[in-house]
Amino acid sequence: MSKRRVTETVNQKSISIDEMSSPDIVSLMVEEDKAIYHGMNNIISQIAAGIDIIVEQWKKDGRVFVVGAGTSGRIGILDAAELGPTFSIPDERWTGFIAGGYEAMWKPLEQHEDDENKSVEELKEHSFSNKDVLIGLTASGTTPYVLTALKYANKLGARTISVSCNPQTDASSLSECAIEAVVGPEVIKGSTRLKAGTAQKMVINMLSTGAMIRLGKVYQNQMVDMQLINKKLVIRAEQTLAEVTDIPESEARILLQESDYDLKVAIFRSMTSSSVEEAKALLLEENGHLKNAIQRYFTKKGIGE
């Protein structure tokens, strides 16, 4: 069992929170949330190691599965749901599981966190294999639904990452990469939807975003692999193209259309004066990594950028 459950201890600073005014409650919560950033600073290397694991397995056609219960499960599913439109990755490559199923996203079904077998059944349904990555989100570090999934992943030889908010947790002992975002006791004892929830959200954001950046789905600091599924995103793509390549938006609009609304292809063409076919071929050679593809183009031409 975990040696010490910080998430279940009493916060002495908020012992009289039930007597405070609204401004004082907010001020105290803001002050307490500062502990989150201290906790993040202590685990930078572990988060970075998690990113490297994901990138390594992704290049082997591996997938990522995020498993959690309650708040942790909702955080994992929220992040997974946003990766498709942001980075154009297929739904099946980054999947979130929550104890109690998708109904638990909207209803309090936390009793299912004790279902030790369900997470393994769900992983088997998705043909989870040793090429894949299992991320276990559990603030306490002891959630049976998550621990069983980690054990199953280890049994198959898959890569494992855990995110918890206590030191030396059971989840950590079962993980290749143990990320312990210890942010102190909550202002309401045990309510891990607060600091612990925010910390887990930050960590999973860093893991997914960091991996997508490493995989070339960001150029400079711009989203260049987003799905252009509405007018707002098409306009954003036109603006991105104009900003990155320093051309007028009117020209960017035409170039994006001529590039079949593929922003990476449009940027590549603008920076290299190449055809759609050549842009797609070089992007394919570099697994969609735009900057690498551009550098490869100029290397082949024997000229500097």
C-alpha atoms as a PDB file:
ATOM      1  CA  MET A   1       0.000   0.000   0.000  1.00  0.00           C
ATOM      2  CA  SER A   2       1.002   3.631  -0.343  1.00  0.00           C
ATOM      3  CA  LYS A   3       3.224   4.816   2.480  1.00  0.00           C
ATOM      4  CA  ARG A   4       1.522   8.187   2.860  1.00  0.00           C
ATOM      5  CA  ARG A   5      -1.667   9.582   1.317  1.00  0.00           C
ATOM      6  CA  VAL A   6      -1.120  13.325   1.099  1.00  0.00           C
ATOM      7  CA  THR A   7      -4.401  13.649  -0.791  1.00  0.00           C
ATOM      8  CA  GLU A   8      -6.287  12.391   2.274  1.00  0.00           C
ATOM      9  CA  THR A   9      -4.686  14.621   4.915  1.00  0.00           C
ATOM     10  CA  VAL A  10      -6.239  17.688   6.536  1.00  0.00           C
ATOM     11  CA  ASN A  11      -5.170  21.085   5.204  1.00  0.00           C
ATOM     12  CA  GLN A  12      -4.604  23.200   8.295  1.00  0.00           C
ATOM     13  CA  LYS A  13      -4.801  26.419   6.269  1.00  0.00           C
ATOM     14  CA  SER A  14      -8.425  25.744   5.358  1.00  0.00           C
ATOM     15  CA  ILE A  15      -9.630  24.376   8.688  1.00  0.00           C
ATOM     16  CA  SER A  16     -12.036  27.332   9.018  1.00  0.00           C
ATOM     17  CA  ILE A  17     -13.031  27.560   5.355  1.00  0.00           C
ATOM     18  CA  ASP A  18     -16.667  26.957   6.316  1.00  0.00           C
ATOM     19  CA  GLU A  19     -16.636  30.310   8.144  1.00  0.00           C
ATOM     20  CA  MET A  20     -14.977  32.334   5.373  1.00  0.00           C
ATOM     21  CA  SER A  21     -16.520  34.894   3.045  1.00  0.00           C
ATOM     22  CA  SER A  22     -16.574  34.219  -0.695  1.00  0.00           C
ATOM     23  CA  PRO A  23     -13.540  36.487  -1.399  1.00  0.00           C
ATOM     24  CA  ASP A  24     -11.567  34.762   1.360  1.00  0.00           C
ATOM     25  CA  ILE A  25     -12.456  31.301   0.021  1.00  0.00           C
ATOM     26  CA  VAL A  26     -11.295  32.290  -3.462  1.00  0.00           C
ATOM     27  CA  SER A  27      -8.104  33.904  -2.138  1.00  0.00           C
ATOM     28  CA  LEU A  28      -7.247  30.794  -0.156  1.00  0.00           C
ATOM     29  CA  MET A  29      -7.866  28.513  -3.144  1.00  0.00           C
ATOM     30  CA  VAL A  30      -5.702  30.715  -5.374  1.00  0.00           C
ATOM     31  CA  GLU A  31      -2.928  30.611  -2.786  1.00  0.00           C
ATOM     32  CA  GLU A  32      -3.184  26.850  -2.423  1.00  0.00           C
ATOM     33  CA  ASP A  33      -3.097  26.343  -6.190  1.00  0.00           C
ATOM     34  CA  LYS A  34       0.405  27.823  -6.219  1.00  0.00           C
ATOM     35  CA  ALA A  35       1.547  24.488  -4.797  1.00  0.00           C
ATOM     36  CA  ILE A  36       0.667  22.897  -8.130  1.00  0.00           C
ATOM     37  CA  TYR A  37       3.485  24.678  -9.920  1.00  0.00           C
ATOM     38  CA  HIS A  38       5.986  23.687  -7.252  1.00  0.00           C
ATOM     39  CA  GLY A  39       4.838  20.103  -7.708  1.00  0.00           C
ATOM     40  CA  MET A  40       5.278  20.379 -11.482  1.00  0.00           C
ATOM     41  CA  ASN A  41       8.833  21.670 -11.127  1.00  0.00           C
ATOM     42  CA  ASN A  42       9.742  18.557  -9.172  1.00  0.00           C
ATOM     43  CA  ILE A  43       8.654  16.159 -11.914  1.00  0.00           C
ATOM     44  CA  ILE A  44       9.865  17.764 -15.133  1.00  0.00           C
ATOM     45  CA  SER A  45      12.305  14.939 -15.871  1.00  0.00           C
ATOM     46  CA  GLN A  46       9.652  12.272 -15.262  1.00  0.00           C
ATOM     47  CA  ILE A  47       7.145  13.966 -17.567  1.00  0.00           C
ATOM     48  CA  ALA A  48       9.852  14.311 -20.215  1.00  0.00           C
ATOM     49  CA  ALA A  49      10.643  10.593 -19.884  1.00  0.00           C
ATOM     50  CA  GLY A  50       6.948   9.837 -20.393  1.00  0.00           C
ATOM     51  CA  ILE A  51       6.920  11.910 -23.578  1.00  0.00           C
ATOM     52  CA  ASP A  52       9.932   9.995 -24.891  1.00  0.00           C
ATOM     53  CA  ILE A  53       8.223   6.658 -24.211  1.00  0.00           C
ATOM     54  CA  ILE A  54       5.113   7.728 -26.114  1.00  0.00           C
ATOM     55  CA  VAL A  55       7.142   9.024 -29.075  1.00  0.00           C
ATOM     56  CA  GLU A  56       9.227   5.849 -29.231  1.00  0.00           C
ATOM     57  CA  GLN A  57       6.197   3.555 -29.267  1.00  0.00           C
ATOM     58  CA  TRP A  58       4.214   5.826 -31.612  1.00  0.00           C
ATOM     59  CA  LYS A  59       6.947   5.447 -34.228  1.00  0.00           C
ATOM     60  CA  LYS A  60       6.452   1.681 -33.933  1.00  0.00           C
ATOM     61  CA  ASP A  61       2.735   2.141 -34.696  1.00  0.00           C
ATOM     62  CA  GLY A  62       1.939   1.803 -31.011  1.00  0.00           C
ATOM     63  CA  ARG A  63      -1.143   3.327 -29.437  1.00  0.00           C
ATOM     64  CA  VAL A  64      -1.800   5.128 -26.157  1.00  0.00           C
ATOM     65  CA  PHE A  65      -4.471   4.106 -23.655  1.00  0.00           C
ATOM     66  CA  VAL A  66      -5.291   6.333 -20.690  1.00  0.00           C
ATOM     67  CA  VAL A  67      -7.098   4.636 -17.795  1.00  0.00           C
ATOM     68  CA  GLY A  68      -8.675   6.344 -14.795  1.00  0.00           C
ATOM     69  CA  ALA A  69     -11.682   6.519 -12.485  1.00  0.00           C
ATOM     70  CA  GLY A  70     -13.802   9.485 -11.432  1.00  0.00           C
ATOM     71  CA  THR A  71     -12.110  12.837 -11.969  1.00  0.00           C
ATOM     72  CA  SER A  72      -8.948  11.155 -13.245  1.00  0.00           C
ATOM     73  CA  GLY A  73     -10.880   9.178 -15.848  1.00  0.00           C
ATOM     74  CA  ARG A  74     -12.767  12.259 -17.011  1.00  0.00           C
ATOM     75  CA  ILE A  75      -9.506  14.158 -17.408  1.00  0.00           C
ATOM     76  CA  GLY A  76      -8.022  11.348 -19.492  1.00  0.00           C
ATOM     77  CA  ILE A  77     -11.025  11.143 -21.802  1.00  0.00           C
ATOM     78  CA  LEU A  78     -11.219  14.919 -22.190  1.00  0.00           C
ATOM     79  CA  ASP A  79      -7.609  15.081 -23.337  1.00  0.00           C
ATOM     80  CA  ALA A  80      -8.032  12.119 -25.694  1.00  0.00           C
ATOM     81  CA  ALA A  81     -11.148  13.646 -27.265  1.00  0.00           C
ATOM     82  CA  GLU A  82      -9.325  16.850 -28.158  1.00  0.00           C
ATOM     83  CA  LEU A  83      -6.290  15.266 -29.806  1.00  0.00           C
ATOM     84  CA  GLY A  84      -8.108  14.296 -32.989  1.00  0.00           C
ATOM     85  CA  PRO A  85      -9.188  17.777 -34.087  1.00  0.00           C
ATOM     86  CA  THR A  86      -5.994  19.369 -32.749  1.00  0.00           C
ATOM     87  CA  PHE A  87      -3.435  16.982 -34.259  1.00  0.00           C
ATOM     88  CA  SER A  88      -5.432  14.860 -36.746  1.00  0.00           C
ATOM     89  CA  ILE A  89      -4.691  11.571 -35.026  1.00  0.00           C
ATOM     90  CA  PRO A  90      -7.178   8.700 -35.447  1.00  0.00           C
ATOM     91  CA  ASP A  91      -9.430   8.013 -32.459  1.00  0.00           C
ATOM     92  CA  GLU A  92      -8.057   4.502 -32.059  1.00  0.00           C
ATOM     93  CA  ARG A  93      -4.480   5.692 -31.532  1.00  0.00           C
ATOM     94  CA  TRP A  94      -5.150   7.568 -28.276  1.00  0.00           C
ATOM     95  CA  THR A  95      -8.033   6.175 -26.239  1.00  0.00           C
ATOM     96  CA  GLY A  96      -9.363   7.063 -22.814  1.00  0.00           C
ATOM     97  CA  PHE A  97     -11.097   4.596 -20.475  1.00  0.00           C
ATOM     98  CA  ILE A  98     -13.092   5.562 -17.394  1.00  0.00           C
ATOM     99  CA  ALA A  99     -14.337   3.190 -14.716  1.00  0.00           C
ATOM    100  CA  GLY A 100     -18.077   2.772 -15.245  1.00  0.00           C
ATOM    101  CA  GLY A 101     -17.907   3.455 -18.974  1.00  0.00           C
ATOM    102  CA  TYR A 102     -18.742   6.642 -20.835  1.00  0.00           C
ATOM    103  CA  GLU A 103     -21.867   7.187 -18.730  1.00  0.00           C
ATOM    104  CA  ALA A 104     -19.440   7.912 -15.878  1.00  0.00           C
ATOM    105  CA  MET A 105     -18.373  11.065 -17.714  1.00  0.00           C
ATOM    106  CA  TRP A 106     -21.665  12.663 -16.712  1.00  0.00           C
ATOM    107  CA  LYS A 107     -22.819  10.637 -13.711  1.00  0.00           C
ATOM    108  CA  PRO A 108     -21.131   9.818 -10.390  1.00  0.00           C
ATOM    109  CA  LEU A 109     -20.282   6.128 -10.870  1.00  0.00           C
ATOM    110  CA  GLU A 110     -17.141   6.142  -8.747  1.00  0.00           C
ATOM    111  CA  GLN A 111     -18.083   2.790  -7.228  1.00  0.00           C
ATOM    112  CA  HIS A 112     -16.745   1.192 -10.409  1.00  0.00           C
ATOM    113  CA  GLU A 113     -13.167   2.177  -9.537  1.00  0.00           C
ATOM    114  CA  ASP A 114     -13.041  -1.023  -7.452  1.00  0.00           C
ATOM    115  CA  ASP A 115     -13.859  -3.179 -10.495  1.00  0.00           C
ATOM    116  CA  GLU A 116     -10.460  -4.780 -10.929  1.00  0.00           C
ATOM    117  CA  ASN A 117     -11.289  -6.803 -14.041  1.00  0.00           C
ATOM    118  CA  LYS A 118     -13.146  -4.309 -16.217  1.00  0.00           C
ATOM    119  CA  SER A 119     -10.100  -2.312 -17.339  1.00  0.00           C
ATOM    120  CA  VAL A 120      -8.375  -5.492 -18.516  1.00  0.00           C
ATOM    121  CA  GLU A 121     -11.496  -6.549 -20.415  1.00  0.00           C
ATOM    122  CA  GLU A 122     -11.573  -3.156 -22.138  1.00  0.00           C
ATOM    123  CA  LEU A 123      -7.906  -3.367 -23.069  1.00  0.00           C
ATOM    124  CA  LYS A 124      -8.419  -6.856 -24.501  1.00  0.00           C
ATOM    125  CA  GLU A 125     -11.368  -5.583 -26.560  1.00  0.00           C
ATOM    126  CA  HIS A 126      -8.944  -3.112 -28.163  1.00  0.00           C
ATOM    127  CA  SER A 127      -6.270  -5.782 -28.728  1.00  0.00           C
ATOM    128  CA  PHE A 128      -3.847  -3.991 -26.415  1.00  0.00           C
ATOM    129  CA  SER A 129      -0.318  -5.247 -27.132  1.00  0.00           C
ATOM    130  CA  ASN A 130       3.321  -4.826 -26.192  1.00  0.00           C
ATOM    131  CA  LYS A 131       3.671  -2.042 -28.784  1.00  0.00           C
ATOM    132  CA  ASP A 132       1.237   0.139 -26.870  1.00  0.00           C
ATOM    133  CA  VAL A 133       1.520   2.566 -23.946  1.00  0.00           C
ATOM    134  CA  LEU A 134      -0.679   2.432 -20.849  1.00  0.00           C
ATOM    135  CA  ILE A 135      -1.078   5.655 -18.855  1.00  0.00           C
ATOM    136  CA  GLY A 136      -2.709   5.156 -15.479  1.00  0.00           C
ATOM    137  CA  LEU A 137      -4.269   8.258 -13.918  1.00  0.00           C
ATOM    138  CA  THR A 138      -5.000   7.887 -10.212  1.00  0.00           C
ATOM    139  CA  ALA A 139      -4.693  10.713  -7.710  1.00  0.00           C
ATOM    140  CA  SER A 140      -4.448   8.310  -4.795  1.00  0.00           C
ATOM    141  CA  GLY A 141      -2.179   5.904  -6.623  1.00  0.00           C
ATOM    142  CA  THR A 142      -4.251   2.990  -5.328  1.00  0.00           C
ATOM    143  CA  THR A 143      -7.302   2.764  -7.623  1.00  0.00           C
ATOM    144  CA  PRO A 144      -7.905  -0.960  -8.393  1.00  0.00           C
ATOM    145  CA  TYR A 145      -9.305  -0.239 -11.880  1.00  0.00           C
ATOM    146  CA  VAL A 146      -6.011   1.462 -12.772  1.00  0.00           C
ATOM    147  CA  LEU A 147      -3.627  -0.860 -10.928  1.00  0.00           C
ATOM    148  CA  THR A 148      -5.017  -3.939 -12.665  1.00  0.00           C
ATOM    149  CA  ALA A 149      -4.590  -2.269 -16.055  1.00  0.00           C
ATOM    150  CA  LEU A 150      -0.954  -1.465 -15.231  1.00  0.00           C
ATOM    151  CA  LYS A 151      -0.327  -5.056 -14.132  1.00  0.00           C
ATOM    152  CA  TYR A 152      -1.843  -6.374 -17.357  1.00  0.00           C
ATOM    153  CA  ALA A 153       0.264  -3.995 -19.462  1.00  0.00           C
ATOM    154  CA  ASN A 154       3.399  -5.111 -17.641  1.00  0.00           C
ATOM    155  CA  LYS A 155       2.479  -8.751 -18.207  1.00  0.00           C
ATOM    156  CA  LEU A 156       2.345  -8.110 -21.959  1.00  0.00           C
ATOM    157  CA  GLY A 157       5.595  -6.157 -21.959  1.00  0.00           C
ATOM    158  CA  ALA A 158       3.915  -2.868 -22.896  1.00  0.00           C
ATOM    159  CA  ARG A 159       5.252   0.504 -21.765  1.00  0.00           C
ATOM    160  CA  THR A 160       3.650   1.937 -18.636  1.00  0.00           C
ATOM    161  CA  ILE A 161       3.296   5.448 -17.229  1.00  0.00           C
ATOM    162  CA  SER A 162       1.420   6.427 -14.079  1.00  0.00           C
ATOM    163  CA  VAL A 163       0.301   9.834 -12.850  1.00  0.00           C
ATOM    164  CA  SER A 164      -0.556  10.080  -9.159  1.00  0.00           C
ATOM    165  CA  CYS A 165      -0.585  12.776  -6.482  1.00  0.00           C
ATOM    166  CA  ASN A 166       0.969  10.910  -3.558  1.00  0.00           C
ATOM    167  CA  PRO A 167       4.558   9.798  -3.006  1.00  0.00           C
ATOM    168  CA  GLN A 168       5.684   6.193  -3.497  1.00  0.00           C
ATOM    169  CA  THR A 169       2.323   4.888  -4.635  1.00  0.00           C
ATOM    170  CA  ASP A 170       1.254   1.417  -5.710  1.00  0.00           C
ATOM    171  CA  ALA A 171       0.744   2.798  -9.219  1.00  0.00           C
ATOM    172  CA  SER A 172       4.318   4.082  -9.253  1.00  0.00           C
ATOM    173  CA  SER A 173       5.685   0.682  -8.271  1.00  0.00           C
ATOM    174  CA  LEU A 174       3.903  -0.840 -11.278  1.00  0.00           C
ATOM    175  CA  SER A 175       5.102   1.759 -13.790  1.00  0.00           C
ATOM    176  CA  GLU A 176       8.183   2.143 -15.936  1.00  0.00           C
ATOM    177  CA  CYS A 177       7.692   5.904 -15.692  1.00  0.00           C
ATOM    178  CA  ALA A 178       6.207   7.035 -12.384  1.00  0.00           C
ATOM    179  CA  ILE A 179       5.015  10.642 -12.318  1.00  0.00           C
ATOM    180  CA  GLU A 180       4.078  11.770  -8.813  1.00  0.00           C
ATOM    181  CA  ALA A 181       2.563  15.258  -8.854  1.00  0.00           C
ATOM    182  CA  VAL A 182       2.476  15.822  -5.109  1.00  0.00           C
ATOM    183  CA  VAL A 183       0.642  19.104  -4.550  1.00  0.00           C
ATOM    184  CA  GLY A 184      -0.344  18.840  -0.911  1.00  0.00           C
ATOM    185  CA  PRO A 185      -3.688  18.361   0.846  1.00  0.00           C
ATOM    186  CA  GLU A 186      -6.842  19.778  -0.700  1.00  0.00           C
ATOM    187  CA  VAL A 187      -8.675  22.740   0.821  1.00  0.00           C
ATOM    188  CA  ILE A 188     -11.530  20.271   1.294  1.00  0.00           C
ATOM    189  CA  LYS A 189     -10.065  17.029   2.577  1.00  0.00           C
ATOM    190  CA  GLY A 190      -9.957  14.329  -0.067  1.00  0.00           C
ATOM    191  CA  SER A 191     -11.615  16.386  -2.822  1.00  0.00           C
ATOM    192  CA  THR A 192      -9.079  15.515  -5.504  1.00  0.00           C
ATOM    193  CA  ARG A 193     -11.088  17.256  -8.227  1.00  0.00           C
ATOM    194  CA  LEU A 194      -9.264  20.361  -6.962  1.00  0.00           C
ATOM    195  CA  LYS A 195      -5.447  20.627  -6.838  1.00  0.00           C
ATOM    196  CA  ALA A 196      -4.849  16.984  -7.677  1.00  0.00           C
ATOM    197  CA  GLY A 197      -7.262  17.182 -10.596  1.00  0.00           C
ATOM    198  CA  THR A 198      -5.584  20.305 -11.944  1.00  0.00           C
ATOM    199  CA  ALA A 199      -2.157  18.705 -11.584  1.00  0.00           C
ATOM    200  CA  GLN A 200      -3.235  15.580 -13.453  1.00  0.00           C
ATOM    201  CA  LYS A 201      -4.776  17.705 -16.202  1.00  0.00           C
ATOM    202  CA  MET A 202      -1.504  19.581 -16.558  1.00  0.00           C
ATOM    203  CA  VAL A 203       0.546  16.393 -16.698  1.00  0.00           C
ATOM    204  CA  ILE A 204      -1.615  14.622 -19.289  1.00  0.00           C
ATOM    205  CA  ASN A 205      -1.652  17.834 -21.377  1.00  0.00           C
ATOM    206  CA  MET A 206       2.144  17.925 -21.257  1.00  0.00           C
ATOM    207  CA  LEU A 207       2.452  14.243 -22.148  1.00  0.00           C
ATOM    208  CA  SER A 208       0.122  14.414 -25.142  1.00  0.00           C
ATOM    209  CA  THR A 209       1.169  17.844 -26.388  1.00  0.00           C
ATOM    210  CA  GLY A 210       4.865  17.158 -25.874  1.00  0.00           C
ATOM    211  CA  ALA A 211       4.604  13.902 -27.801  1.00  0.00           C
ATOM    212  CA  MET A 212       2.711  15.537 -30.671  1.00  0.00           C
ATOM    213  CA  ILE A 213       5.315  18.311 -30.875  1.00  0.00           C
ATOM    214  CA  ARG A 214       8.127  15.748 -30.982  1.00  0.00           C
ATOM    215  CA  LEU A 215       6.276  13.899 -33.734  1.00  0.00           C
ATOM    216  CA  GLY A 216       6.185  17.017 -35.914  1.00  0.00           C
ATOM    217  CA  LYS A 217       2.547  17.973 -35.543  1.00  0.00           C
ATOM    218  CA  VAL A 218       3.561  21.516 -34.576  1.00  0.00           C
ATOM    219  CA  TYR A 219       5.652  23.866 -36.709  1.00  0.00           C
ATOM    220  CA  GLN A 220       7.359  26.611 -34.710  1.00  0.00           C
ATOM    221  CA  ASN A 221       4.559  27.055 -32.164  1.00  0.00           C
ATOM    222  CA  GLN A 222       1.671  26.688 -34.600  1.00  0.00           C
ATOM    223  CA  MET A 223      -0.854  23.863 -34.972  1.00  0.00           C
ATOM    224  CA  VAL A 224      -0.241  22.640 -38.501  1.00  0.00           C
ATOM    225  CA  ASP A 225      -1.941  19.240 -38.328  1.00  0.00           C
ATOM    226  CA  MET A 226      -5.390  20.310 -37.127  1.00  0.00           C
ATOM    227  CA  GLN A 227      -8.554  19.118 -38.837  1.00  0.00           C
ATOM    228  CA  LEU A 228     -10.133  21.971 -40.781  1.00  0.00           C
ATOM    229  CA  ILE A 229     -13.684  20.953 -39.915  1.00  0.00           C
ATOM    230  CA  ASN A 230     -15.318  24.379 -39.580  1.00  0.00           C
ATOM    231  CA  LYS A 231     -14.995  27.939 -40.855  1.00  0.00           C
ATOM    232  CA  LYS A 232     -13.097  29.125 -37.782  1.00  0.00           C
ATOM    233  CA  LEU A 233     -10.402  26.490 -38.263  1.00  0.00           C
ATOM    234  CA  VAL A 234     -10.094  27.225 -41.979  1.00  0.00           C
ATOM    235  CA  ILE A 235      -9.557  30.894 -41.157  1.00  0.00           C
ATOM    236  CA  ARG A 236      -7.015  29.928 -38.487  1.00  0.00           C
ATOM    237  CA  ALA A 237      -5.187  27.799 -41.045  1.00  0.00           C
ATOM    238  CA  GLU A 238      -5.083  30.700 -43.506  1.00  0.00           C
ATOM    239  CA  GLN A 239      -3.717  32.992 -40.805  1.00  0.00           C
ATOM    240  CA  THR A 240      -1.150  30.402 -39.745  1.00  0.00           C
ATOM    241  CA  LEU A 241       0.003  29.959 -43.317  1.00  0.00           C
ATOM    242  CA  ALA A 242       0.334  33.716 -43.748  1.00  0.00           C
ATOM    243  CA  GLU A 243       2.223  34.154 -40.468  1.00  0.00           C
ATOM    244  CA  VAL A 244       4.624  31.248 -40.930  1.00  0.00           C
ATOM    245  CA  THR A 245       5.500  31.977 -44.559  1.00  0.00           C
ATOM    246  CA  ASP A 246       5.136  35.767 -44.471  1.00  0.00           C
ATOM    247  CA  ILE A 247       2.655  36.008 -47.335  1.00  0.00           C
ATOM    248  CA  PRO A 248      -0.612  38.001 -47.537  1.00  0.00           C
ATOM    249  CA  GLU A 249      -3.721  36.245 -46.212  1.00  0.00           C
ATOM    250  CA  SER A 250      -5.360  36.569 -49.629  1.00  0.00           C
ATOM    251  CA  GLU A 251      -2.472  34.605 -51.140  1.00  0.00           C
ATOM    252  CA  ALA A 252      -2.549  32.134 -48.274  1.00  0.00           C
ATOM    253  CA  ARG A 253      -6.252  31.491 -48.895  1.00  0.00           C
ATOM    254  CA  ILE A 254      -5.598  30.553 -52.522  1.00  0.00           C
ATOM    255  CA  LEU A 255      -2.543  28.439 -51.702  1.00  0.00           C
ATOM    256  CA  LEU A 256      -4.456  26.498 -49.037  1.00  0.00           C
ATOM    257  CA  GLN A 257      -7.239  25.763 -51.517  1.00  0.00           C
ATOM    258  CA  GLU A 258      -4.731  24.622 -54.139  1.00  0.00           C
ATOM    259  CA  SER A 259      -3.138  22.356 -51.521  1.00  0.00           C
ATOM    260  CA  ASP A 260      -6.422  20.537 -50.851  1.00  0.00           C
ATOM    261  CA  TYR A 261      -6.736  22.337 -47.499  1.00  0.00           C
ATOM    262  CA  ASP A 262      -3.684  20.483 -46.180  1.00  0.00           C
ATOM    263  CA  LEU A 263      -1.891  23.133 -44.122  1.00  0.00           C
ATOM    264  CA  LYS A 264       1.407  21.247 -43.982  1.00  0.00           C
ATOM    265  CA  VAL A 265       1.456  20.864 -47.748  1.00  0.00           C
ATOM    266  CA  ALA A 266       0.623  24.551 -48.185  1.00  0.00           C
ATOM    267  CA  ILE A 267       3.420  25.683 -45.854  1.00  0.00           C
ATOM    268  CA  PHE A 268       5.891  23.340 -47.530  1.00  0.00           C
ATOM    269  CA  ARG A 269       4.955  24.624 -50.986  1.00  0.00           C
ATOM    270  CA  SER A 270       5.182  28.254 -49.950  1.00  0.00           C
ATOM    271  CA  MET A 271       8.639  27.787 -48.436  1.00  0.00           C
ATOM    272  CA  THR A 272      10.050  25.617 -51.217  1.00  0.00           C
ATOM    273  CA  SER A 273       8.084  26.608 -54.359  1.00  0.00           C
ATOM    274  CA  SER A 274       7.392  22.917 -54.913  1.00  0.00           C
ATOM    275  CA  SER A 275       4.360  21.059 -56.268  1.00  0.00           C
ATOM    276  CA  VAL A 276       1.618  19.414 -54.243  1.00  0.00           C
ATOM    277  CA  GLU A 277       2.949  16.002 -55.251  1.00  0.00           C
ATOM    278  CA  GLU A 278       6.520  16.791 -54.186  1.00  0.00           C
ATOM    279  CA  ALA A 279       5.320  18.232 -50.880  1.00  0.00           C
ATOM    280  CA  LYS A 280       3.233  15.168 -50.088  1.00  0.00           C
ATOM    281  CA  ALA A 281       6.043  12.799 -51.042  1.00  0.00           C
ATOM    282  CA  LEU A 282       8.623  14.462 -48.807  1.00  0.00           C
ATOM    283  CA  LEU A 283       6.177  14.778 -45.918  1.00  0.00           C
ATOM    284  CA  LEU A 284       5.469  11.063 -46.268  1.00  0.00           C
ATOM    285  CA  GLU A 285       9.198  10.289 -46.216  1.00  0.00           C
ATOM    286  CA  GLU A 286       9.522  12.254 -42.965  1.00  0.00           C
ATOM    287  CA  ASN A 287       6.417  10.716 -41.365  1.00  0.00           C
ATOM    288  CA  GLY A 288       4.561  14.019 -41.557  1.00  0.00           C
ATOM    289  CA  HIS A 289       7.266  16.026 -39.751  1.00  0.00           C
ATOM    290  CA  LEU A 290       7.043  19.361 -41.579  1.00  0.00           C
ATOM    291  CA  LYS A 291      10.299  20.957 -40.450  1.00  0.00           C
ATOM    292  CA  ASN A 292      12.273  17.801 -41.223  1.00  0.00           C
ATOM    293  CA  ALA A 293      10.635  17.576 -44.641  1.00  0.00           C
ATOM    294  CA  ILE A 294      11.567  21.184 -45.455  1.00  0.00           C
ATOM    295  CA  GLN A 295      15.142  20.615 -44.319  1.00  0.00           C
ATOM    296  CA  ARG A 296      15.306  17.437 -46.395  1.00  0.00           C
ATOM    297  CA  TYR A 297      14.104  19.336 -49.459  1.00  0.00           C
ATOM    298  CA  PHE A 298      16.873  21.913 -49.200  1.00  0.00           C
ATOM    299  CA  THR A 299      19.454  19.228 -48.467  1.00  0.00           C
ATOM    300  CA  LYS A 300      18.442  17.386 -51.607  1.00  0.00           C
ATOM    301  CA  LYS A 301      18.679  20.612 -53.589  1.00  0.00           C
ATOM    302  CA  GLY A 302      22.072  21.319 -52.084  1.00  0.00           C
ATOM    303  CA  ILE A 303      21.102  24.828 -51.018  1.00  0.00           C
ATOM    304  CA  GLY A 304      20.656  26.639 -47.704  1.00  0.00           C
ATOM    305  CA  GLU A 305      17.204  27.617 -46.445  1.00  0.00           C
END
